Amino acid sequence: MASLEQALWSTAAVVFYLPVANGSILYLELVYGEYTVVARTIGFTPLRDAGIGLLVGSVLAASLVAFARVPVGERMFRALRTRQGAWSRGMGLAVGAIGEEMLFRAVLQPLLGLLPTVGLFALVHPPWRRDLWPWPLTAVVTGLALGACFATTGAVLAGVVAQLVVGWTSWYLIDRACAAGPAGGRP
């Protein structure tokens, strides 16, 4: 059953986020032209932008590690548990990071501005369980950091890299919280 659940999560991420990314690219191409697609995706200084994303992602990841040490954070990460394997996680994180950054940063942030885009980003990260109530708050902080990456670089590459760092750290924290057993335990 676990492998079926893994396949469903991977498929859901691809089915949802690939059209989001492709639709964002199509919008940029039709409205602004090819130059804007390149400028807002990989940008013109990709090594610098990837480095910025790595730095921002590391700071956000360190904040998540600290948050996971308090009971409310540990409960949140335990509530996010799924049975995804490494392939499902990698596929979901990569496609999700690209899709979210293309939509929220490359398309919406130039149209709406940073704060409205951060608000929308938080709204699409709802707490579907009571223990997840801090999740939208982490999305606000993350959205501000990713929006600042886009504002600084003009491209989504830094945000994608930062999301990948944050995503893999989150999976580590989810596994750690679940391995700890009942609330308050440590592995």
N, C-alpha and C. Protein backbone atom coordinates (compact mmCIF):
# COMPACT_ATOMS: atom_id res chain seq x y z
N MET A 1 0.82 -1.20 0.00
CA MET A 1 0.00 0.00 0.00
C MET A 1 0.86 1.26 0.00
N ALA A 2 1.99 1.21 0.69
CA ALA A 2 2.86 2.38 0.77
C ALA A 2 3.36 2.79 -0.61
N SER A 3 3.69 1.83 -1.47
CA SER A 3 4.18 2.19 -2.79
C SER A 3 3.08 2.82 -3.64
N LEU A 4 1.82 2.40 -3.45
CA LEU A 4 0.71 3.03 -4.16
C LEU A 4 0.54 4.47 -3.68
N GLU A 5 0.63 4.68 -2.37
CA GLU A 5 0.52 6.04 -1.84
C GLU A 5 1.66 6.92 -2.36
N GLN A 6 2.86 6.37 -2.42
CA GLN A 6 4.01 7.11 -2.95
C GLN A 6 3.76 7.51 -4.39
N ALA A 7 3.28 6.57 -5.20
CA ALA A 7 3.02 6.86 -6.61
C ALA A 7 1.93 7.92 -6.75
N LEU A 8 0.92 7.87 -5.91
CA LEU A 8 -0.16 8.85 -5.98
C LEU A 8 0.33 10.25 -5.62
N TRP A 9 1.19 10.36 -4.59
CA TRP A 9 1.72 11.67 -4.23
C TRP A 9 2.57 12.24 -5.35
N SER A 10 3.44 11.42 -5.92
CA SER A 10 4.27 11.89 -7.04
C SER A 10 3.42 12.33 -8.20
N THR A 11 2.44 11.51 -8.55
CA THR A 11 1.57 11.82 -9.68
C THR A 11 0.78 13.09 -9.42
N ALA A 12 0.27 13.25 -8.21
CA ALA A 12 -0.49 14.46 -7.87
C ALA A 12 0.37 15.71 -8.01
N ALA A 13 1.61 15.64 -7.54
CA ALA A 13 2.50 16.80 -7.65
C ALA A 13 2.76 17.14 -9.11
N VAL A 14 3.05 16.13 -9.91
CA VAL A 14 3.34 16.37 -11.32
C VAL A 14 2.10 16.88 -12.05
N VAL A 15 0.95 16.24 -11.81
CA VAL A 15 -0.28 16.62 -12.49
C VAL A 15 -0.70 18.04 -12.12
N PHE A 16 -0.46 18.45 -10.89
CA PHE A 16 -0.85 19.80 -10.49
C PHE A 16 0.19 20.85 -10.87
N TYR A 17 1.44 20.63 -10.50
CA TYR A 17 2.45 21.68 -10.64
C TYR A 17 3.03 21.85 -12.04
N LEU A 18 3.09 20.79 -12.83
CA LEU A 18 3.60 20.98 -14.20
C LEU A 18 2.72 21.91 -15.02
N PRO A 19 1.40 21.73 -14.99
CA PRO A 19 0.57 22.71 -15.71
C PRO A 19 0.68 24.13 -15.14
N VAL A 20 0.88 24.25 -13.84
CA VAL A 20 1.07 25.58 -13.23
C VAL A 20 2.34 26.22 -13.81
N ALA A 21 3.44 25.46 -13.83
CA ALA A 21 4.70 25.98 -14.37
C ALA A 21 4.56 26.28 -15.86
N ASN A 22 4.00 25.34 -16.60
CA ASN A 22 3.85 25.54 -18.04
C ASN A 22 2.91 26.70 -18.36
N GLY A 23 1.82 26.81 -17.61
CA GLY A 23 0.91 27.93 -17.81
C GLY A 23 1.58 29.27 -17.51
N SER A 24 2.42 29.29 -16.49
CA SER A 24 3.15 30.52 -16.16
C SER A 24 4.12 30.90 -17.27
N ILE A 25 4.82 29.91 -17.80
CA ILE A 25 5.75 30.17 -18.90
C ILE A 25 4.99 30.65 -20.13
N LEU A 26 3.87 30.00 -20.43
CA LEU A 26 3.07 30.40 -21.57
C LEU A 26 2.56 31.83 -21.40
N TYR A 27 2.09 32.17 -20.20
CA TYR A 27 1.64 33.53 -19.94
C TYR A 27 2.76 34.54 -20.17
N LEU A 28 3.94 34.26 -19.60
CA LEU A 28 5.06 35.18 -19.77
C LEU A 28 5.44 35.33 -21.24
N GLU A 29 5.43 34.23 -21.96
CA GLU A 29 5.78 34.25 -23.39
C GLU A 29 4.77 35.08 -24.18
N LEU A 30 3.49 34.83 -23.95
CA LEU A 30 2.45 35.52 -24.72
C LEU A 30 2.35 37.00 -24.37
N VAL A 31 2.49 37.32 -23.10
CA VAL A 31 2.29 38.71 -22.67
C VAL A 31 3.56 39.54 -22.82
N TYR A 32 4.71 38.96 -22.48
CA TYR A 32 5.94 39.75 -22.43
C TYR A 32 6.99 39.35 -23.45
N GLY A 33 6.93 38.13 -23.96
CA GLY A 33 7.91 37.69 -24.94
C GLY A 33 8.99 36.78 -24.36
N GLU A 34 9.76 36.21 -25.26
CA GLU A 34 10.76 35.21 -24.89
C GLU A 34 11.82 35.75 -23.93
N TYR A 35 12.22 36.99 -24.12
CA TYR A 35 13.25 37.58 -23.25
C TYR A 35 12.82 37.50 -21.79
N THR A 36 11.56 37.81 -21.51
CA THR A 36 11.06 37.79 -20.14
C THR A 36 11.04 36.37 -19.58
N VAL A 37 10.74 35.38 -20.40
CA VAL A 37 10.75 34.00 -19.93
C VAL A 37 12.14 33.65 -19.43
N VAL A 38 13.17 33.96 -20.20
CA VAL A 38 14.54 33.68 -19.78
C VAL A 38 14.90 34.51 -18.55
N ALA A 39 14.57 35.79 -18.60
CA ALA A 39 14.94 36.69 -17.51
C ALA A 39 14.31 36.27 -16.18
N ARG A 40 13.06 35.83 -16.20
CA ARG A 40 12.37 35.51 -14.95
C ARG A 40 12.53 34.05 -14.52
N THR A 41 13.11 33.21 -15.34
CA THR A 41 13.31 31.82 -14.93
C THR A 41 14.73 31.59 -14.44
N ILE A 42 15.67 31.42 -15.35
CA ILE A 42 17.06 31.19 -14.92
C ILE A 42 17.83 32.47 -14.75
N GLY A 43 17.36 33.56 -15.31
CA GLY A 43 18.04 34.84 -15.19
C GLY A 43 19.33 34.88 -15.99
N PHE A 44 20.09 35.91 -15.76
CA PHE A 44 21.32 36.11 -16.53
C PHE A 44 22.58 35.90 -15.69
N THR A 45 22.38 35.62 -14.40
CA THR A 45 23.51 35.30 -13.50
C THR A 45 23.13 34.07 -12.68
N PRO A 46 22.99 32.91 -13.33
CA PRO A 46 22.46 31.74 -12.63
C PRO A 46 23.32 31.23 -11.48
N LEU A 47 24.64 31.33 -11.58
CA LEU A 47 25.47 30.86 -10.47
C LEU A 47 25.29 31.74 -9.23
N ARG A 48 25.25 33.05 -9.45
CA ARG A 48 25.01 33.97 -8.33
C ARG A 48 23.63 33.70 -7.72
N ASP A 49 22.63 33.56 -8.59
CA ASP A 49 21.27 33.35 -8.10
C ASP A 49 21.14 32.04 -7.34
N ALA A 50 21.78 30.98 -7.83
CA ALA A 50 21.74 29.70 -7.13
C ALA A 50 22.42 29.83 -5.76
N GLY A 51 23.50 30.59 -5.70
CA GLY A 51 24.18 30.82 -4.43
C GLY A 51 23.30 31.58 -3.45
N ILE A 52 22.59 32.58 -3.94
CA ILE A 52 21.65 33.32 -3.10
C ILE A 52 20.57 32.38 -2.58
N GLY A 53 20.05 31.54 -3.47
CA GLY A 53 19.02 30.58 -3.07
C GLY A 53 19.53 29.61 -2.02
N LEU A 54 20.76 29.16 -2.19
CA LEU A 54 21.36 28.25 -1.21
C LEU A 54 21.50 28.94 0.16
N LEU A 55 21.93 30.18 0.14
CA LEU A 55 22.08 30.94 1.39
C LEU A 55 20.73 31.16 2.06
N VAL A 56 19.76 31.66 1.31
CA VAL A 56 18.43 31.93 1.86
C VAL A 56 17.77 30.63 2.33
N GLY A 57 17.89 29.58 1.51
CA GLY A 57 17.33 28.29 1.90
C GLY A 57 17.96 27.75 3.17
N SER A 58 19.26 27.95 3.34
CA SER A 58 19.95 27.48 4.54
C SER A 58 19.48 28.23 5.78
N VAL A 59 19.28 29.53 5.66
CA VAL A 59 18.77 30.32 6.79
C VAL A 59 17.36 29.88 7.15
N LEU A 60 16.51 29.70 6.14
CA LEU A 60 15.15 29.23 6.40
C LEU A 60 15.16 27.83 7.01
N ALA A 61 16.02 26.96 6.49
CA ALA A 61 16.11 25.59 7.01
C ALA A 61 16.56 25.59 8.46
N ALA A 62 17.54 26.44 8.80
CA ALA A 62 18.00 26.54 10.19
C ALA A 62 16.86 27.01 11.09
N SER A 63 16.04 27.91 10.58
CA SER A 63 14.88 28.38 11.36
C SER A 63 13.89 27.25 11.58
N LEU A 64 13.67 26.42 10.57
CA LEU A 64 12.77 25.28 10.72
C LEU A 64 13.31 24.26 11.72
N VAL A 65 14.61 24.04 11.69
CA VAL A 65 15.23 23.11 12.65
C VAL A 65 14.99 23.62 14.08
N ALA A 66 15.18 24.92 14.29
CA ALA A 66 14.93 25.49 15.61
C ALA A 66 13.45 25.38 15.98
N PHE A 67 12.56 25.65 15.03
CA PHE A 67 11.12 25.56 15.28
C PHE A 67 10.71 24.13 15.62
N ALA A 68 11.33 23.14 14.99
CA ALA A 68 11.00 21.74 15.24
C ALA A 68 11.39 21.30 16.64
N ARG A 69 12.20 22.07 17.33
CA ARG A 69 12.63 21.72 18.69
C ARG A 69 11.60 22.12 19.76
N VAL A 70 10.65 22.97 19.39
CA VAL A 70 9.60 23.33 20.34
C VAL A 70 8.40 22.41 20.10
N PRO A 71 7.60 22.14 21.13
CA PRO A 71 6.51 21.16 20.99
C PRO A 71 5.55 21.45 19.83
N VAL A 72 5.16 22.72 19.64
CA VAL A 72 4.21 23.03 18.57
C VAL A 72 4.82 22.73 17.19
N GLY A 73 6.11 22.99 17.04
CA GLY A 73 6.79 22.69 15.79
C GLY A 73 6.92 21.20 15.56
N GLU A 74 7.26 20.48 16.60
CA GLU A 74 7.37 19.02 16.49
C GLU A 74 6.02 18.40 16.10
N ARG A 75 4.94 18.88 16.71
CA ARG A 75 3.60 18.38 16.36
C ARG A 75 3.26 18.70 14.91
N MET A 76 3.63 19.91 14.46
CA MET A 76 3.35 20.27 13.07
C MET A 76 4.06 19.33 12.11
N PHE A 77 5.35 19.08 12.35
CA PHE A 77 6.08 18.20 11.44
C PHE A 77 5.56 16.76 11.51
N ARG A 78 5.13 16.31 12.67
CA ARG A 78 4.55 14.97 12.77
C ARG A 78 3.23 14.90 11.97
N ALA A 79 2.45 15.98 12.02
CA ALA A 79 1.16 16.01 11.31
C ALA A 79 1.34 16.01 9.79
N LEU A 80 2.51 16.42 9.31
CA LEU A 80 2.77 16.45 7.86
C LEU A 80 3.23 15.10 7.32
N ARG A 81 3.24 14.08 8.16
CA ARG A 81 3.78 12.78 7.77
C ARG A 81 3.01 12.16 6.60
N THR A 82 3.78 11.66 5.65
CA THR A 82 3.24 10.81 4.59
C THR A 82 4.23 9.67 4.42
N ARG A 83 3.89 8.73 3.59
CA ARG A 83 4.77 7.59 3.36
C ARG A 83 5.50 7.70 2.04
N GLN A 84 5.89 8.88 1.68
CA GLN A 84 6.58 9.06 0.41
C GLN A 84 8.01 8.56 0.50
N GLY A 85 8.45 7.94 -0.56
CA GLY A 85 9.83 7.52 -0.66
C GLY A 85 10.67 8.67 -1.22
N ALA A 86 11.96 8.40 -1.35
CA ALA A 86 12.89 9.43 -1.81
C ALA A 86 12.54 9.94 -3.20
N TRP A 87 12.16 9.04 -4.11
CA TRP A 87 11.82 9.45 -5.47
C TRP A 87 10.59 10.36 -5.46
N SER A 88 9.55 9.96 -4.72
CA SER A 88 8.34 10.78 -4.63
C SER A 88 8.64 12.14 -4.03
N ARG A 89 9.45 12.14 -2.99
CA ARG A 89 9.79 13.40 -2.34
C ARG A 89 10.56 14.31 -3.30
N GLY A 90 11.55 13.75 -3.95
CA GLY A 90 12.36 14.55 -4.88
C GLY A 90 11.54 15.10 -6.02
N MET A 91 10.69 14.25 -6.60
CA MET A 91 9.84 14.68 -7.71
C MET A 91 8.87 15.76 -7.25
N GLY A 92 8.21 15.53 -6.13
CA GLY A 92 7.25 16.50 -5.61
C GLY A 92 7.90 17.83 -5.26
N LEU A 93 9.07 17.77 -4.63
CA LEU A 93 9.76 19.00 -4.26
C LEU A 93 10.22 19.78 -5.48
N ALA A 94 10.82 19.10 -6.43
CA ALA A 94 11.34 19.79 -7.61
C ALA A 94 10.22 20.42 -8.43
N VAL A 95 9.21 19.61 -8.75
CA VAL A 95 8.11 20.13 -9.58
C VAL A 95 7.32 21.19 -8.81
N GLY A 96 7.12 20.96 -7.51
CA GLY A 96 6.40 21.95 -6.70
C GLY A 96 7.14 23.26 -6.58
N ALA A 97 8.44 23.18 -6.36
CA ALA A 97 9.25 24.41 -6.24
C ALA A 97 9.20 25.21 -7.54
N ILE A 98 9.37 24.53 -8.65
CA ILE A 98 9.33 25.23 -9.95
C ILE A 98 7.95 25.82 -10.20
N GLY A 99 6.91 25.03 -9.99
CA GLY A 99 5.55 25.50 -10.23
C GLY A 99 5.18 26.69 -9.35
N GLU A 100 5.46 26.57 -8.05
CA GLU A 100 5.12 27.67 -7.14
C GLU A 100 5.91 28.93 -7.45
N GLU A 101 7.19 28.79 -7.71
CA GLU A 101 8.00 29.98 -7.99
C GLU A 101 7.59 30.64 -9.30
N MET A 102 7.28 29.84 -10.30
CA MET A 102 6.84 30.42 -11.58
C MET A 102 5.55 31.20 -11.39
N LEU A 103 4.59 30.61 -10.69
CA LEU A 103 3.31 31.29 -10.52
C LEU A 103 3.42 32.49 -9.58
N PHE A 104 3.92 32.25 -8.37
CA PHE A 104 3.89 33.31 -7.36
C PHE A 104 4.93 34.40 -7.61
N ARG A 105 6.13 34.03 -8.00
CA ARG A 105 7.17 35.03 -8.17
C ARG A 105 7.23 35.59 -9.58
N ALA A 106 7.30 34.72 -10.60
CA ALA A 106 7.50 35.21 -11.97
C ALA A 106 6.25 35.88 -12.54
N VAL A 107 5.06 35.40 -12.16
CA VAL A 107 3.83 35.96 -12.73
C VAL A 107 3.15 36.93 -11.76
N LEU A 108 2.83 36.47 -10.55
CA LEU A 108 2.00 37.28 -9.66
C LEU A 108 2.74 38.43 -8.97
N GLN A 109 3.97 38.19 -8.52
CA GLN A 109 4.67 39.26 -7.79
C GLN A 109 4.87 40.53 -8.62
N PRO A 110 5.25 40.44 -9.90
CA PRO A 110 5.35 41.68 -10.68
C PRO A 110 4.00 42.37 -10.89
N LEU A 111 2.92 41.59 -10.88
CA LEU A 111 1.59 42.17 -11.08
C LEU A 111 1.00 42.75 -9.80
N LEU A 112 1.14 42.02 -8.69
CA LEU A 112 0.46 42.39 -7.45
C LEU A 112 1.35 43.04 -6.41
N GLY A 113 2.65 42.80 -6.48
CA GLY A 113 3.57 43.26 -5.45
C GLY A 113 3.89 42.15 -4.48
N LEU A 114 4.86 42.41 -3.62
CA LEU A 114 5.36 41.38 -2.71
C LEU A 114 4.32 40.95 -1.68
N LEU A 115 3.76 41.87 -0.93
CA LEU A 115 2.88 41.48 0.18
C LEU A 115 1.60 40.76 -0.26
N PRO A 116 0.89 41.24 -1.29
CA PRO A 116 -0.28 40.47 -1.73
C PRO A 116 0.09 39.05 -2.21
N THR A 117 1.24 38.94 -2.84
CA THR A 117 1.68 37.63 -3.32
C THR A 117 2.00 36.71 -2.14
N VAL A 118 2.63 37.26 -1.11
CA VAL A 118 2.92 36.47 0.10
C VAL A 118 1.61 36.03 0.75
N GLY A 119 0.63 36.90 0.79
CA GLY A 119 -0.68 36.53 1.34
C GLY A 119 -1.32 35.38 0.57
N LEU A 120 -1.27 35.45 -0.75
CA LEU A 120 -1.80 34.34 -1.56
C LEU A 120 -1.01 33.06 -1.34
N PHE A 121 0.31 33.17 -1.23
CA PHE A 121 1.16 32.01 -0.97
C PHE A 121 0.77 31.35 0.35
N ALA A 122 0.50 32.14 1.37
CA ALA A 122 0.07 31.59 2.66
C ALA A 122 -1.30 30.93 2.55
N LEU A 123 -2.19 31.52 1.76
CA LEU A 123 -3.54 30.95 1.60
C LEU A 123 -3.54 29.57 0.94
N VAL A 124 -2.56 29.31 0.10
CA VAL A 124 -2.53 27.99 -0.55
C VAL A 124 -1.76 26.96 0.29
N HIS A 125 -1.40 27.34 1.50
CA HIS A 125 -0.79 26.42 2.45
C HIS A 125 -1.67 26.35 3.71
N PRO A 126 -2.92 25.87 3.53
CA PRO A 126 -3.87 25.88 4.66
C PRO A 126 -3.56 24.77 5.67
N PRO A 127 -3.91 25.01 6.93
CA PRO A 127 -3.76 23.96 7.94
C PRO A 127 -4.96 23.02 7.91
N TRP A 128 -4.84 21.89 7.24
CA TRP A 128 -5.98 20.98 7.11
C TRP A 128 -6.16 20.10 8.35
N ARG A 129 -5.23 20.20 9.29
CA ARG A 129 -5.36 19.53 10.59
C ARG A 129 -5.00 20.53 11.67
N ARG A 130 -5.54 20.33 12.86
CA ARG A 130 -5.32 21.29 13.95
C ARG A 130 -3.84 21.48 14.27
N ASP A 131 -3.06 20.43 14.25
CA ASP A 131 -1.63 20.55 14.56
C ASP A 131 -0.85 21.31 13.50
N LEU A 132 -1.48 21.61 12.38
CA LEU A 132 -0.80 22.33 11.30
C LEU A 132 -1.05 23.84 11.34
N TRP A 133 -1.65 24.35 12.42
CA TRP A 133 -1.97 25.78 12.45
C TRP A 133 -0.75 26.68 12.21
N PRO A 134 0.49 26.29 12.57
CA PRO A 134 1.62 27.19 12.28
C PRO A 134 2.06 27.17 10.80
N TRP A 135 1.59 26.20 10.03
CA TRP A 135 2.07 26.05 8.66
C TRP A 135 1.87 27.29 7.80
N PRO A 136 0.68 27.92 7.80
CA PRO A 136 0.55 29.16 7.01
C PRO A 136 1.49 30.27 7.49
N LEU A 137 1.81 30.28 8.78
CA LEU A 137 2.76 31.29 9.29
C LEU A 137 4.16 31.03 8.74
N THR A 138 4.54 29.76 8.66
CA THR A 138 5.84 29.45 8.05
C THR A 138 5.82 29.80 6.57
N ALA A 139 4.65 29.68 5.94
CA ALA A 139 4.53 30.05 4.52
C ALA A 139 4.69 31.56 4.34
N VAL A 140 4.23 32.35 5.30
CA VAL A 140 4.41 33.81 5.22
C VAL A 140 5.89 34.15 5.28
N VAL A 141 6.60 33.57 6.25
CA VAL A 141 8.03 33.85 6.39
C VAL A 141 8.78 33.38 5.14
N THR A 142 8.45 32.17 4.69
CA THR A 142 9.10 31.63 3.49
C THR A 142 8.76 32.47 2.27
N GLY A 143 7.49 32.86 2.14
CA GLY A 143 7.06 33.69 1.01
C GLY A 143 7.78 35.03 0.97
N LEU A 144 7.98 35.63 2.14
CA LEU A 144 8.73 36.89 2.19
C LEU A 144 10.17 36.69 1.73
N ALA A 145 10.79 35.61 2.19
CA ALA A 145 12.18 35.34 1.79
C ALA A 145 12.28 35.02 0.30
N LEU A 146 11.36 34.22 -0.21
CA LEU A 146 11.39 33.87 -1.64
C LEU A 146 11.06 35.09 -2.50
N GLY A 147 10.13 35.91 -2.03
CA GLY A 147 9.81 37.14 -2.74
C GLY A 147 10.99 38.10 -2.77
N ALA A 148 11.74 38.14 -1.67
CA ALA A 148 12.94 38.98 -1.63
C ALA A 148 14.00 38.44 -2.59
N CYS A 149 14.09 37.11 -2.70
CA CYS A 149 15.02 36.51 -3.68
C CYS A 149 14.67 36.97 -5.09
N PHE A 150 13.38 36.91 -5.41
CA PHE A 150 12.95 37.32 -6.75
C PHE A 150 13.19 38.82 -6.96
N ALA A 151 12.87 39.62 -5.95
CA ALA A 151 13.08 41.06 -6.07
C ALA A 151 14.56 41.40 -6.25
N THR A 152 15.42 40.63 -5.62
CA THR A 152 16.86 40.87 -5.70
C THR A 152 17.44 40.42 -7.04
N THR A 153 17.02 39.23 -7.49
CA THR A 153 17.63 38.63 -8.68
C THR A 153 16.83 38.86 -9.96
N GLY A 154 15.52 39.05 -9.83
CA GLY A 154 14.66 39.18 -11.01
C GLY A 154 14.32 37.86 -11.66
N ALA A 155 14.76 36.75 -11.06
CA ALA A 155 14.51 35.42 -11.61
C ALA A 155 14.08 34.47 -10.50
N VAL A 156 13.45 33.36 -10.86
CA VAL A 156 12.95 32.42 -9.87
C VAL A 156 13.99 31.38 -9.45
N LEU A 157 15.13 31.33 -10.09
CA LEU A 157 16.12 30.30 -9.78
C LEU A 157 16.51 30.30 -8.30
N ALA A 158 16.76 31.45 -7.72
CA ALA A 158 17.14 31.52 -6.30
C ALA A 158 16.03 30.96 -5.42
N GLY A 159 14.79 31.29 -5.74
CA GLY A 159 13.66 30.78 -4.97
C GLY A 159 13.49 29.28 -5.10
N VAL A 160 13.70 28.75 -6.29
CA VAL A 160 13.60 27.31 -6.50
C VAL A 160 14.66 26.59 -5.67
N VAL A 161 15.89 27.08 -5.71
CA VAL A 161 16.97 26.46 -4.92
C VAL A 161 16.64 26.55 -3.44
N ALA A 162 16.17 27.71 -2.99
CA ALA A 162 15.82 27.88 -1.57
C ALA A 162 14.70 26.93 -1.18
N GLN A 163 13.69 26.79 -2.04
CA GLN A 163 12.59 25.86 -1.75
C GLN A 163 13.07 24.42 -1.66
N LEU A 164 14.01 24.04 -2.50
CA LEU A 164 14.54 22.68 -2.44
C LEU A 164 15.28 22.45 -1.12
N VAL A 165 16.06 23.41 -0.68
CA VAL A 165 16.77 23.27 0.60
C VAL A 165 15.75 23.17 1.75
N VAL A 166 14.76 24.05 1.74
CA VAL A 166 13.73 24.04 2.78
C VAL A 166 12.93 22.74 2.73
N GLY A 167 12.60 22.30 1.51
CA GLY A 167 11.81 21.07 1.37
C GLY A 167 12.53 19.85 1.89
N TRP A 168 13.79 19.68 1.52
CA TRP A 168 14.54 18.53 2.02
C TRP A 168 14.74 18.61 3.52
N THR A 169 14.93 19.79 4.07
CA THR A 169 15.05 19.94 5.52
C THR A 169 13.73 19.58 6.19
N SER A 170 12.63 20.01 5.60
CA SER A 170 11.31 19.68 6.15
C SER A 170 11.09 18.17 6.17
N TRP A 171 11.46 17.49 5.09
CA TRP A 171 11.31 16.03 5.08
C TRP A 171 12.15 15.37 6.16
N TYR A 172 13.35 15.87 6.37
CA TYR A 172 14.20 15.35 7.45
C TYR A 172 13.49 15.54 8.80
N LEU A 173 12.93 16.73 9.02
CA LEU A 173 12.27 17.03 10.28
C LEU A 173 10.99 16.21 10.45
N ILE A 174 10.27 15.97 9.36
CA ILE A 174 9.08 15.12 9.42
C ILE A 174 9.49 13.72 9.83
N ASP A 175 10.51 13.16 9.20
CA ASP A 175 10.98 11.82 9.54
C ASP A 175 11.45 11.76 10.99
N ARG A 176 12.16 12.79 11.42
CA ARG A 176 12.68 12.84 12.79
C ARG A 176 11.54 12.90 13.80
N ALA A 177 10.54 13.75 13.53
CA ALA A 177 9.41 13.88 14.46
C ALA A 177 8.62 12.57 14.54
N CYS A 178 8.45 11.91 13.41
CA CYS A 178 7.69 10.65 13.39
C CYS A 178 8.47 9.52 14.05
N ALA A 179 9.79 9.52 13.91
CA ALA A 179 10.61 8.48 14.54
C ALA A 179 10.68 8.69 16.05
N ALA A 180 10.42 9.92 16.51
CA ALA A 180 10.51 10.21 17.94
C ALA A 180 9.38 9.55 18.72
N GLY A 181 8.34 9.12 18.01
CA GLY A 181 7.23 8.48 18.71
C GLY A 181 6.28 9.51 19.28
N PRO A 182 5.72 9.22 20.45
CA PRO A 182 4.75 10.14 21.07
C PRO A 182 5.37 11.52 21.30
N ALA A 183 4.51 12.52 21.37
CA ALA A 183 4.96 13.92 21.52
C ALA A 183 5.96 14.05 22.65
N GLY A 184 6.99 14.80 22.39
CA GLY A 184 8.01 15.07 23.39
C GLY A 184 9.20 14.15 23.31
N GLY A 185 9.09 12.99 22.63
CA GLY A 185 10.20 12.05 22.54
C GLY A 185 11.20 12.51 21.50
N ARG A 186 12.41 12.06 21.65
CA ARG A 186 13.48 12.37 20.68
C ARG A 186 14.05 11.07 20.16
N PRO A 187 14.46 11.04 18.90
CA PRO A 187 15.05 9.80 18.37
C PRO A 187 16.38 9.50 19.02
